[in-house]
Amino acid sequence: MWNRNVETFLGCDNTYEESHIVLVGAPFDSTTSYRPGTRFAARTMRAESYGLETYSPYQELDREDARVFDGGDLELPFGDTERALAMIGERAETILHSGKLPFLIGGEHLVSLPAIEAAAKWYPDLSIIHFDAHTDLRVEYLGNKLSHATVIRRAWDLLGDGRIHQFGIRSGERAEWQWARAGHTDLHPFTFAGLSDVIAGLHGRPVYLPRYGNAGGRWCHVHRTDEGSTLRCAWMQGCRMRHGGAIAAA
């Protein structure tokens, strides 16, 4: 039996058995190239969440209606990237095998990769909607193919062309932009223009949502755009989700 974390994220008080969504912290930031510390994000977010309310009058949704289980943080080996990623992937597979949806709090961008891989095995028609300031499409960074700067390129290795949609991108190497604009990803730089059309086109299909902030902390989960309970959980991503599959930046 998987017990709840001692300190849960606000409104994530359901048991594992009754929940549709499982929140897990992935405290790993070993490939961070600017300022480390995102491994502390999950515990900080839990503590700070109690200054919020569960109800959003903007969306007329309440977090407590989403049935989320907070399973605490994984104990990851900071110096072993491959082992840490394997542990994240194993946990994501366990959650998916239980018929639930994984919702991760990083950690750096790279922690998305094993969860995406696990989700792609479970949902072969998986797509990604990627919110970020950076492309994350490098082939390698400082000689390392497993890096925060390569995570979406590694996701492309799994999914291929036409299944990764990127929004808000404002930075990256010229080679990354040229590669994306050659049609390998659906790149929407600088703004969220076209987001509603992408969501409409993905209606009823499984979608993984990596959302990366400037500090590198990120939350993501898999959802089907026609399932109301999982749409409610996406509010925690900083996204406004409407029934019927529409999405807009909050």
Protein backbone atom coordinates (compact mmCIF):
# COMPACT_ATOMS: atom_id res chain seq x y z
CA MET A 1 0.00 0.00 0.00
CA TRP A 2 1.27 3.46 -0.91
CA ASN A 3 0.70 5.91 1.93
CA ARG A 4 0.09 9.63 1.52
CA ASN A 5 2.96 12.02 2.06
CA VAL A 6 3.00 13.56 5.55
CA GLU A 7 2.70 17.07 4.10
CA THR A 8 0.49 17.04 1.01
CA PHE A 9 -0.08 19.62 -1.68
CA LEU A 10 -3.20 21.65 -0.93
CA GLY A 11 -6.30 19.58 -1.65
CA CYS A 12 -4.39 16.38 -2.56
CA ASP A 13 -5.67 14.38 0.40
CA ASN A 14 -7.28 11.42 -1.36
CA THR A 15 -6.08 7.84 -0.93
CA TYR A 16 -4.24 6.11 -3.74
CA GLU A 17 -7.12 3.74 -4.37
CA GLU A 18 -9.75 6.47 -4.83
CA SER A 19 -7.60 8.87 -6.85
CA HIS A 20 -7.42 9.37 -10.61
CA ILE A 21 -4.19 11.36 -10.47
CA VAL A 22 -0.99 10.64 -8.55
CA LEU A 23 1.33 13.52 -7.68
CA VAL A 24 5.02 12.63 -7.24
CA GLY A 25 8.03 14.82 -6.58
CA ALA A 26 11.11 14.15 -8.73
CA PRO A 27 13.87 16.08 -6.91
CA PHE A 28 16.67 15.94 -9.47
CA ASP A 29 18.71 18.82 -10.92
CA SER A 30 22.12 17.31 -11.66
CA THR A 31 22.34 18.57 -15.26
CA THR A 32 21.26 22.12 -14.40
CA SER A 33 23.67 24.55 -16.08
CA TYR A 34 22.78 27.86 -14.44
CA ARG A 35 21.48 27.79 -10.87
CA PRO A 36 20.83 24.44 -9.14
CA GLY A 37 18.17 24.02 -6.51
CA THR A 38 15.09 22.85 -8.38
CA ARG A 39 15.32 19.56 -6.50
CA PHE A 40 13.81 21.47 -3.58
CA ALA A 41 10.79 22.61 -5.61
CA ALA A 42 8.32 19.89 -4.59
CA ARG A 43 8.70 20.38 -0.86
CA THR A 44 8.61 24.17 -1.26
CA MET A 45 5.48 24.05 -3.44
CA ARG A 46 3.70 21.87 -0.91
CA ALA A 47 4.47 24.28 1.91
CA GLU A 48 3.55 27.39 -0.10
CA SER A 49 0.35 25.85 -1.47
CA TYR A 50 -1.38 26.43 1.88
CA GLY A 51 -1.38 30.15 1.17
CA LEU A 52 -3.76 29.46 -1.75
CA GLU A 53 -7.39 28.42 -2.03
CA THR A 54 -8.59 25.18 -3.59
CA TYR A 55 -11.34 27.00 -5.49
CA SER A 56 -10.71 29.01 -8.66
CA PRO A 57 -13.52 31.50 -9.39
CA TYR A 58 -11.98 32.15 -12.81
CA GLN A 59 -12.50 28.55 -13.86
CA GLU A 60 -15.33 27.64 -11.48
CA LEU A 61 -13.32 24.56 -10.52
CA ASP A 62 -12.22 23.29 -7.14
CA ARG A 63 -8.99 21.35 -6.67
CA GLU A 64 -10.65 19.07 -4.14
CA ASP A 65 -12.92 17.68 -6.88
CA ALA A 66 -10.00 16.26 -8.89
CA ARG A 67 -9.21 13.30 -6.55
CA VAL A 68 -5.42 13.56 -6.36
CA PHE A 69 -3.09 11.42 -4.25
CA ASP A 70 0.19 12.98 -3.09
CA GLY A 71 2.74 10.19 -2.91
CA GLY A 72 5.64 12.34 -1.74
CA ASP A 73 9.07 12.60 -3.35
CA LEU A 74 11.22 9.91 -4.89
CA GLU A 75 14.61 9.42 -3.25
CA LEU A 76 16.85 9.90 -6.28
CA PRO A 77 20.65 9.50 -6.58
CA PHE A 78 21.80 12.99 -7.55
CA GLY A 79 25.10 11.82 -9.05
CA ASP A 80 23.65 9.09 -11.28
CA THR A 81 21.50 10.55 -14.04
CA GLU A 82 20.60 7.28 -15.74
CA ARG A 83 19.60 5.59 -12.49
CA ALA A 84 17.53 8.59 -11.41
CA LEU A 85 15.68 8.63 -14.73
CA ALA A 86 15.08 4.88 -14.49
CA MET A 87 13.53 5.30 -11.04
CA ILE A 88 11.22 8.06 -12.29
CA GLY A 89 10.20 5.90 -15.23
CA GLU A 90 9.50 2.92 -12.99
CA ARG A 91 7.24 5.01 -10.77
CA ALA A 92 5.39 6.47 -13.76
CA GLU A 93 4.84 2.98 -15.17
CA THR A 94 3.47 1.79 -11.83
CA ILE A 95 1.00 4.67 -11.76
CA LEU A 96 -0.11 4.14 -15.36
CA HIS A 97 -0.45 0.39 -14.80
CA SER A 98 -2.87 1.20 -11.96
CA GLY A 99 -5.09 3.09 -14.41
CA LYS A 100 -4.10 6.47 -12.98
CA LEU A 101 -2.28 9.49 -14.37
CA PRO A 102 1.17 10.61 -13.18
CA PHE A 103 1.63 14.25 -12.24
CA LEU A 104 5.27 15.15 -11.59
CA ILE A 105 6.87 18.09 -9.83
CA GLY A 106 10.54 18.55 -10.71
CA GLY A 107 13.32 18.95 -10.57
CA GLU A 108 14.87 20.04 -13.82
CA HIS A 109 13.46 19.58 -17.31
CA LEU A 110 15.10 16.19 -17.86
CA VAL A 111 12.83 14.47 -15.32
CA SER A 112 10.07 14.65 -17.96
CA LEU A 113 11.83 12.19 -20.26
CA PRO A 114 11.25 8.89 -18.43
CA ALA A 115 7.65 9.84 -17.70
CA ILE A 116 7.11 10.62 -21.39
CA GLU A 117 8.67 7.28 -22.31
CA ALA A 118 6.41 5.43 -19.89
CA ALA A 119 3.33 7.26 -21.15
CA ALA A 120 4.23 6.57 -24.79
CA LYS A 121 4.34 2.85 -24.04
CA TRP A 122 0.88 3.04 -22.46
CA TYR A 123 -0.56 5.46 -25.03
CA PRO A 124 1.08 4.79 -28.45
CA ASP A 125 -0.68 7.82 -29.98
CA LEU A 126 0.72 10.20 -27.35
CA SER A 127 1.35 13.85 -28.25
CA ILE A 128 3.15 16.59 -26.32
CA ILE A 129 2.21 20.23 -25.77
CA HIS A 130 5.37 21.91 -24.51
CA PHE A 131 5.32 25.28 -22.72
CA ASP A 132 8.77 26.78 -22.26
CA ALA A 133 11.10 29.69 -22.91
CA HIS A 134 13.71 27.42 -24.53
CA THR A 135 13.57 24.91 -27.35
CA ASP A 136 15.36 22.09 -25.46
CA LEU A 137 16.12 20.55 -28.87
CA ARG A 138 19.90 20.22 -28.73
CA VAL A 139 21.36 16.92 -29.87
CA GLU A 140 23.75 17.13 -26.93
CA TYR A 141 24.88 19.69 -24.37
CA LEU A 142 28.45 19.72 -23.08
CA GLY A 143 28.87 16.27 -24.59
CA ASN A 144 25.83 14.86 -22.78
CA LYS A 145 22.78 13.59 -24.66
CA LEU A 146 20.78 13.39 -21.41
CA SER A 147 20.49 17.01 -20.34
CA HIS A 148 17.90 19.63 -19.48
CA ALA A 149 18.81 21.21 -22.84
CA THR A 150 18.10 18.03 -24.85
CA VAL A 151 14.92 16.68 -23.27
CA ILE A 152 12.48 17.57 -26.06
CA ARG A 153 14.92 16.28 -28.69
CA ARG A 154 15.02 12.98 -26.79
CA ALA A 155 11.22 13.02 -26.64
CA TRP A 156 11.22 13.46 -30.43
CA ASP A 157 13.41 10.36 -30.66
CA LEU A 158 10.51 8.50 -29.05
CA LEU A 159 7.56 10.11 -30.85
CA GLY A 160 8.84 11.43 -34.19
CA ASP A 161 7.51 14.26 -36.36
CA GLY A 162 4.09 15.87 -35.95
CA ARG A 163 3.47 14.98 -32.30
CA ILE A 164 5.30 17.70 -30.37
CA HIS A 165 3.74 21.18 -30.19
CA GLN A 166 5.88 23.94 -28.66
CA PHE A 167 4.53 27.27 -27.36
CA GLY A 168 6.11 30.41 -25.93
CA ILE A 169 9.63 29.52 -27.10
CA ARG A 170 11.89 32.56 -27.21
CA SER A 171 15.42 31.16 -27.02
CA GLY A 172 17.65 28.45 -28.46
CA GLU A 173 20.56 27.85 -30.81
CA ARG A 174 20.11 28.58 -34.50
CA ALA A 175 20.44 24.87 -35.30
CA GLU A 176 17.57 24.07 -32.93
CA TRP A 177 15.26 26.63 -34.54
CA GLN A 178 16.16 25.48 -38.04
CA TRP A 179 15.60 21.85 -37.12
CA ALA A 180 12.20 22.59 -35.56
CA ARG A 181 11.12 24.77 -38.49
CA ALA A 182 12.04 21.98 -40.90
CA GLY A 183 8.86 20.35 -39.62
CA HIS A 184 10.18 18.11 -36.88
CA THR A 185 8.16 19.94 -34.20
CA ASP A 186 5.15 22.25 -34.44
CA LEU A 187 6.87 25.43 -33.23
CA HIS A 188 4.84 28.45 -32.05
CA PRO A 189 7.47 30.95 -30.85
CA PHE A 190 6.98 33.84 -28.42
CA THR A 191 3.21 33.47 -27.85
CA PHE A 192 0.35 31.01 -27.36
CA ALA A 193 -1.11 31.79 -30.78
CA GLY A 194 -2.62 28.66 -32.32
CA LEU A 195 -2.99 26.82 -29.02
CA SER A 196 -6.77 26.47 -29.25
CA ASP A 197 -6.47 24.96 -32.73
CA VAL A 198 -3.89 22.45 -31.53
CA ILE A 199 -6.11 21.42 -28.62
CA ALA A 200 -9.09 21.04 -30.91
CA GLY A 201 -7.03 18.82 -33.21
CA LEU A 202 -5.97 16.63 -30.27
CA HIS A 203 -9.45 16.25 -28.80
CA GLY A 204 -9.91 12.77 -27.39
CA ARG A 205 -6.22 11.86 -27.71
CA PRO A 206 -3.66 11.42 -24.91
CA VAL A 207 -1.50 14.50 -24.33
CA TYR A 208 1.53 15.01 -22.09
CA LEU A 209 2.03 18.55 -20.81
CA PRO A 210 5.55 19.55 -19.78
CA ARG A 211 5.49 23.08 -18.39
CA TYR A 212 8.87 24.57 -17.61
CA GLY A 213 9.44 27.77 -15.69
CA ASN A 214 12.48 30.04 -15.77
CA ALA A 215 13.80 28.44 -12.59
CA GLY A 216 13.61 24.99 -14.14
CA GLY A 217 10.84 23.67 -11.91
CA ARG A 218 8.24 21.83 -13.91
CA TRP A 219 4.96 19.99 -13.57
CA CYS A 220 3.49 17.62 -16.06
CA HIS A 221 0.93 14.89 -16.48
CA VAL A 222 -0.86 12.82 -19.07
CA HIS A 223 -4.51 13.46 -19.76
CA ARG A 224 -7.17 12.82 -22.35
CA THR A 225 -8.68 16.07 -23.50
CA ASP A 226 -12.22 14.76 -23.15
CA GLU A 227 -11.97 13.58 -19.52
CA GLY A 228 -13.26 16.17 -17.08
CA SER A 229 -11.52 14.89 -13.95
CA THR A 230 -8.05 15.11 -15.48
CA LEU A 231 -8.78 18.48 -17.02
CA ARG A 232 -9.41 19.82 -13.54
CA CYS A 233 -5.99 18.66 -12.43
CA ALA A 234 -4.39 20.66 -15.24
CA TRP A 235 -5.37 23.81 -13.31
CA MET A 236 -2.38 23.00 -11.09
CA GLN A 237 -0.16 23.36 -14.16
CA GLY A 238 -0.93 27.05 -14.45
CA CYS A 239 -3.26 26.38 -17.36
CA ARG A 240 -6.92 27.21 -17.66
CA MET A 241 -8.73 24.15 -18.98
CA ARG A 242 -12.28 24.25 -20.25
CA HIS A 243 -14.52 21.27 -20.83
CA GLY A 244 -14.54 20.14 -24.44
CA GLY A 245 -10.77 20.35 -24.72
CA ALA A 246 -10.01 24.05 -24.99
CA ILE A 247 -6.97 25.35 -23.18
CA ALA A 248 -5.57 28.82 -22.60
CA ALA A 249 -2.70 30.22 -20.59
CA ALA A 250 -3.81 31.42 -17.19
